[in-house]
């Protein structure tokens, strides 16, 4: 099953694919399920290392990286290499090894998203894996080590949450009325443009949160919008992007088109909005364009 926005390869995404969907629905579901044991092992490892006060370093871009980031990356890379050795793996902590040519299919890994929150002792960190086909995120897994929950999106209408109590359909969680527009924003990367858009939308109390868990708030129906009017990287957003689309939402750039993921373009994202539904996405996009 495909959403209409995937039917045409967007301009600016170099890819020789005639059809942007290269992996079957059954293969995507099998891929996601097969990753769960490795995600749980990586999650247990980052929790153990935090309890042991693991080492922390500063990268060239001034962002922190820990022993846990590297350990998680190693675990996930090993598992992915066995599971689908033909798919290139691009992780945040080894992005320098990305292929020089644009692969039609590849896997994006953020082994510890929300490192600042992890170091600070908060539970708002996650492990993210996304499958990319011709620039389009088609599978997204966001694992929350602190709760043991894994959010999985594999196709429109096929999204679930794995918990200790079982598997639940995320699409069924969007029911129920609520008052006011519920907005989540980055805890560690606040910016004036996001604050201005939040105000323009009439939300006085946005909820700050770390990591890709903000996308899970939309996918589970607990928030309406995630606003990020500052640059990010592909491994920060691709898994959440696939998850939100699988639950009927959208992730849009300023032009109103979905984000796309290109190795040759450095996997860089510009500002974006993520919305729980297409109508909310249209509302947020209009408010965004009004303040430009």
Protein backbone atom coordinates (compact mmCIF):
# COMPACT_ATOMS: atom_id res chain seq x y z
CA UNK A 1 0.00 0.00 0.00
CA UNK A 2 1.46 3.39 -0.99
CA UNK A 3 0.57 6.97 -0.24
CA UNK A 4 0.14 9.24 -3.22
CA UNK A 5 3.09 11.47 -2.37
CA UNK A 6 5.38 8.47 -2.99
CA UNK A 7 4.23 7.90 -6.55
CA UNK A 8 6.67 10.38 -8.06
CA UNK A 9 10.37 10.67 -7.28
CA UNK A 10 10.83 14.23 -5.98
CA UNK A 11 13.14 16.67 -7.70
CA UNK A 12 16.54 17.02 -6.05
CA UNK A 13 16.74 13.39 -4.93
CA UNK A 14 19.25 11.65 -7.20
CA UNK A 15 18.02 8.11 -7.82
CA UNK A 16 17.80 5.90 -10.87
CA UNK A 17 14.72 4.04 -9.60
CA UNK A 18 11.79 3.70 -11.95
CA UNK A 19 9.61 2.82 -8.97
CA UNK A 20 10.43 4.40 -5.59
CA UNK A 21 9.05 1.34 -3.76
CA UNK A 22 11.66 -1.39 -4.19
CA UNK A 23 10.95 -3.60 -1.19
CA UNK A 24 7.69 -5.50 -0.85
CA UNK A 25 5.29 -4.92 2.02
CA UNK A 26 5.96 -8.43 3.34
CA UNK A 27 9.72 -7.82 3.23
CA UNK A 28 9.35 -4.54 5.12
CA UNK A 29 7.30 -6.17 7.86
CA UNK A 30 9.74 -9.06 8.16
CA UNK A 31 12.66 -6.63 8.31
CA UNK A 32 11.07 -4.63 11.12
CA UNK A 33 10.17 -7.71 13.18
CA UNK A 34 13.64 -9.20 12.75
CA UNK A 35 15.25 -6.05 14.18
CA UNK A 36 13.44 -6.18 17.52
CA UNK A 37 15.94 -8.48 19.32
CA UNK A 38 18.89 -6.28 18.31
CA UNK A 39 17.05 -3.13 19.40
CA UNK A 40 16.36 -4.65 22.80
CA UNK A 41 20.00 -5.66 23.20
CA UNK A 42 21.18 -2.19 22.18
CA UNK A 43 18.66 -0.62 24.55
CA UNK A 44 19.79 -2.74 27.48
CA UNK A 45 23.38 -1.84 26.66
CA UNK A 46 22.83 1.93 26.71
CA UNK A 47 20.95 1.66 30.01
CA UNK A 48 23.74 -0.42 31.55
CA UNK A 49 26.41 2.00 30.36
CA UNK A 50 24.54 5.00 31.73
CA UNK A 51 24.31 3.31 35.13
CA UNK A 52 28.07 2.78 34.92
CA UNK A 53 28.63 6.48 34.04
CA UNK A 54 30.06 5.83 30.59
CA UNK A 55 32.62 8.06 28.91
CA UNK A 56 31.50 11.18 27.05
CA UNK A 57 33.34 13.01 24.27
CA UNK A 58 32.66 16.06 22.10
CA UNK A 59 32.47 15.67 18.33
CA UNK A 60 33.76 18.15 15.77
CA UNK A 61 30.32 19.76 15.52
CA UNK A 62 30.34 20.32 19.30
CA UNK A 63 27.62 17.72 19.92
CA UNK A 64 28.22 15.05 22.57
CA UNK A 65 28.85 11.38 21.88
CA UNK A 66 29.13 8.65 24.49
CA UNK A 67 30.45 5.16 24.85
CA UNK A 68 26.81 4.08 24.67
CA UNK A 69 26.34 5.65 21.20
CA UNK A 70 29.27 3.66 19.87
CA UNK A 71 28.26 0.40 21.55
CA UNK A 72 24.70 0.66 20.24
CA UNK A 73 25.95 1.48 16.73
CA UNK A 74 28.16 -1.63 16.79
CA UNK A 75 25.31 -3.91 17.91
CA UNK A 76 22.87 -2.61 15.30
CA UNK A 77 25.38 -2.60 12.45
CA UNK A 78 26.28 -6.22 13.17
CA UNK A 79 22.62 -7.26 13.19
CA UNK A 80 21.77 -5.35 10.01
CA UNK A 81 24.81 -6.73 8.19
CA UNK A 82 23.55 -10.26 8.82
CA UNK A 83 19.90 -9.48 8.15
CA UNK A 84 20.27 -7.61 4.85
CA UNK A 85 23.96 -7.51 3.84
CA UNK A 86 23.09 -6.01 0.44
CA UNK A 87 21.72 -2.79 1.96
CA UNK A 88 24.24 -0.07 2.88
CA UNK A 89 24.05 1.00 6.54
CA UNK A 90 24.57 4.66 7.39
CA UNK A 91 24.77 5.45 11.08
CA UNK A 92 25.25 8.75 12.83
CA UNK A 93 28.50 7.61 14.38
CA UNK A 94 29.98 6.20 11.15
CA UNK A 95 28.44 8.50 8.53
CA UNK A 96 31.88 9.12 7.05
CA UNK A 97 31.72 5.62 5.56
CA UNK A 98 28.57 6.38 3.54
CA UNK A 99 28.72 5.28 -0.12
CA UNK A 100 29.80 7.88 -2.67
CA UNK A 101 26.99 7.04 -5.09
CA UNK A 102 23.30 7.24 -4.24
CA UNK A 103 22.08 3.77 -3.19
CA UNK A 104 18.49 3.00 -4.21
CA UNK A 105 17.93 1.29 -0.85
CA UNK A 106 19.78 1.92 2.42
CA UNK A 107 19.29 1.86 6.17
CA UNK A 108 19.67 4.91 8.42
CA UNK A 109 20.60 4.34 12.07
CA UNK A 110 20.68 6.71 15.00
CA UNK A 111 22.10 4.49 17.76
CA UNK A 112 21.27 6.95 20.54
CA UNK A 113 19.05 9.88 19.65
CA UNK A 114 18.78 12.45 22.42
CA UNK A 115 22.31 12.03 23.74
CA UNK A 116 22.06 15.26 25.74
CA UNK A 117 18.98 13.96 27.55
CA UNK A 118 20.69 10.62 28.10
CA UNK A 119 23.69 12.33 29.69
CA UNK A 120 21.41 14.55 31.80
CA UNK A 121 19.68 11.50 33.27
CA UNK A 122 16.35 12.06 31.52
CA UNK A 123 14.49 9.21 29.82
CA UNK A 124 13.78 11.07 26.56
CA UNK A 125 16.21 9.20 24.32
CA UNK A 126 15.63 6.60 21.65
CA UNK A 127 17.20 4.28 19.11
CA UNK A 128 16.04 4.90 15.55
CA UNK A 129 16.22 2.74 12.42
CA UNK A 130 14.73 3.64 9.04
CA UNK A 131 14.62 1.93 5.67
CA UNK A 132 15.02 4.37 2.78
CA UNK A 133 13.89 3.54 -0.77
CA UNK A 134 14.72 6.13 -3.42
CA UNK A 135 14.78 8.90 -0.84
CA UNK A 136 11.49 7.82 0.77
CA UNK A 137 11.40 6.47 4.36
CA UNK A 138 9.26 3.32 4.11
CA UNK A 139 9.98 1.60 7.45
CA UNK A 140 10.59 3.31 10.77
CA UNK A 141 11.39 1.87 14.18
CA UNK A 142 11.79 4.03 17.29
CA UNK A 143 12.79 2.12 20.39
CA UNK A 144 12.59 3.75 23.83
CA UNK A 145 15.02 1.89 26.13
CA UNK A 146 13.62 3.51 29.29
CA UNK A 147 10.16 2.03 28.73
CA UNK A 148 10.94 -0.94 26.52
CA UNK A 149 8.41 0.29 23.95
CA UNK A 150 9.09 0.05 20.23
CA UNK A 151 7.06 2.08 17.74
CA UNK A 152 6.95 0.56 14.25
CA UNK A 153 5.60 1.93 10.98
CA UNK A 154 5.82 -0.13 7.79
CA UNK A 155 3.05 1.23 5.52
CA UNK A 156 0.02 3.52 5.65
CA UNK A 157 -2.38 1.93 8.13
CA UNK A 158 0.26 -0.51 9.39
CA UNK A 159 1.75 0.95 12.56
CA UNK A 160 2.10 -0.69 15.94
CA UNK A 161 3.66 -0.35 19.36
CA UNK A 162 5.45 -3.30 20.95
CA UNK A 163 5.26 -3.32 24.77
CA UNK A 164 5.81 -5.81 27.55
CA UNK A 165 2.05 -6.34 27.50
CA UNK A 166 1.86 -7.15 23.79
CA UNK A 167 1.43 -5.54 20.39
CA UNK A 168 -1.09 -2.75 19.85
CA UNK A 169 -2.35 -1.04 16.70
CA UNK A 170 -1.24 2.60 16.76
CA UNK A 171 -3.86 3.63 14.24
CA UNK A 172 -6.58 2.74 16.75
CA UNK A 173 -5.14 5.20 19.29
CA UNK A 174 -6.12 8.33 17.32
CA UNK A 175 -9.70 8.30 18.58
CA UNK A 176 -11.01 10.64 21.27
CA UNK A 177 -11.63 14.36 21.60
CA UNK A 178 -9.27 16.90 23.15
CA UNK A 179 -9.19 20.64 23.70
CA UNK A 180 -6.72 22.93 21.93
CA UNK A 181 -3.80 22.27 19.63
CA UNK A 182 -1.15 20.05 21.21
CA UNK A 183 2.39 20.86 20.07
CA UNK A 184 5.74 19.23 20.87
CA UNK A 185 9.08 20.96 20.30
CA UNK A 186 12.73 20.17 20.86
CA UNK A 187 13.96 20.44 24.43
CA UNK A 188 17.63 20.98 23.49
CA UNK A 189 17.31 22.97 20.26
CA UNK A 190 14.85 25.78 20.85
CA UNK A 191 14.82 28.52 18.20
CA UNK A 192 12.94 31.77 17.61
CA UNK A 193 11.26 30.65 14.39
CA UNK A 194 9.68 27.62 16.07
CA UNK A 195 8.55 29.78 18.97
CA UNK A 196 6.97 32.26 16.54
CA UNK A 197 5.12 29.53 14.67
CA UNK A 198 3.88 27.98 17.89
CA UNK A 199 2.48 31.34 18.94
CA UNK A 200 0.91 31.92 15.52
CA UNK A 201 -0.89 28.60 15.84
CA UNK A 202 -2.35 29.70 19.15
CA UNK A 203 -0.50 27.17 21.31
CA UNK A 204 0.65 28.85 24.51
CA UNK A 205 2.21 25.82 26.19
CA UNK A 206 4.13 23.61 23.77
CA UNK A 207 5.62 20.49 25.30
CA UNK A 208 9.42 20.29 25.16
CA UNK A 209 10.79 16.80 24.60
CA UNK A 210 14.01 15.10 23.55
CA UNK A 211 14.79 12.77 20.65
CA UNK A 212 12.55 11.15 18.05
CA UNK A 213 10.06 10.36 20.80
CA UNK A 214 8.33 13.55 19.64
CA UNK A 215 7.24 11.66 16.53
CA UNK A 216 5.78 8.90 18.69
CA UNK A 217 3.59 11.48 20.42
CA UNK A 218 1.92 12.17 17.05
CA UNK A 219 1.76 8.52 16.05
CA UNK A 220 0.02 7.57 19.30
CA UNK A 221 -2.44 10.47 19.13
CA UNK A 222 -1.04 12.26 22.18
CA UNK A 223 0.07 15.37 20.26
CA UNK A 224 -1.01 17.09 17.06
CA UNK A 225 2.12 18.81 15.76
CA UNK A 226 5.88 18.57 16.04
CA UNK A 227 7.53 21.80 14.90
CA UNK A 228 11.22 22.00 14.06
CA UNK A 229 12.23 25.11 12.14
CA UNK A 230 15.94 24.41 12.40
CA UNK A 231 18.24 21.98 10.55
CA UNK A 232 18.43 18.29 11.44
CA UNK A 233 20.04 15.20 9.90
CA UNK A 234 18.37 12.27 8.22
CA UNK A 235 18.98 9.80 11.05
CA UNK A 236 17.17 12.18 13.41
CA UNK A 237 13.94 12.19 11.41
CA UNK A 238 13.62 9.31 8.93
CA UNK A 239 12.28 6.68 11.35
CA UNK A 240 9.78 9.12 12.83
CA UNK A 241 8.82 10.30 9.35
CA UNK A 242 7.92 6.74 8.29
CA UNK A 243 6.04 6.18 11.56
CA UNK A 244 3.96 9.36 11.27
CA UNK A 245 3.03 8.63 7.66
CA UNK A 246 2.03 5.08 8.63
CA UNK A 247 -0.48 6.53 11.10
CA UNK A 248 -1.99 8.98 8.60
CA UNK A 249 0.18 12.02 9.25
CA UNK A 250 2.64 14.08 7.22
CA UNK A 251 6.18 15.44 7.54
CA UNK A 252 6.59 18.51 5.34
CA UNK A 253 9.24 21.01 4.41
CA UNK A 254 8.57 24.71 3.86
CA UNK A 255 7.42 24.14 0.28
CA UNK A 256 4.74 21.75 1.49
CA UNK A 257 6.40 18.61 0.13
CA UNK A 258 7.59 15.62 2.21
CA UNK A 259 11.18 15.47 3.41
CA UNK A 260 13.44 13.28 1.29
CA UNK A 261 16.70 11.56 2.18
CA UNK A 262 19.73 11.70 -0.11
CA UNK A 263 23.23 10.42 0.64
CA UNK A 264 24.74 12.64 -2.06
CA UNK A 265 23.11 15.67 -0.45
CA UNK A 266 24.61 14.80 2.91
CA UNK A 267 21.38 13.60 4.54
CA UNK A 268 20.71 17.17 5.61
CA UNK A 269 17.20 18.32 6.49
CA UNK A 270 15.99 21.88 6.53
CA UNK A 271 13.12 23.10 8.70
CA UNK A 272 10.01 20.92 8.81
CA UNK A 273 6.66 20.36 10.44
CA UNK A 274 5.20 16.98 11.37
CA UNK A 275 1.45 16.65 11.80
CA UNK A 276 -0.82 13.90 13.10
CA UNK A 277 -3.19 14.33 10.13
CA UNK A 278 -3.04 15.89 6.68
CA UNK A 279 -5.53 18.58 7.69
CA UNK A 280 -3.40 19.57 10.68
CA UNK A 281 -0.39 19.63 8.38
CA UNK A 282 -2.16 22.03 6.04
CA UNK A 283 -3.13 24.26 8.98
CA UNK A 284 0.43 24.35 10.31
CA UNK A 285 1.90 24.96 6.84
CA UNK A 286 -0.38 27.95 6.28
CA UNK A 287 0.59 29.40 9.65
CA UNK A 288 4.28 28.81 8.85
CA UNK A 289 4.09 30.52 5.47
CA UNK A 290 2.28 33.45 7.07
CA UNK A 291 5.29 34.31 9.24
CA UNK A 292 7.95 33.97 6.57
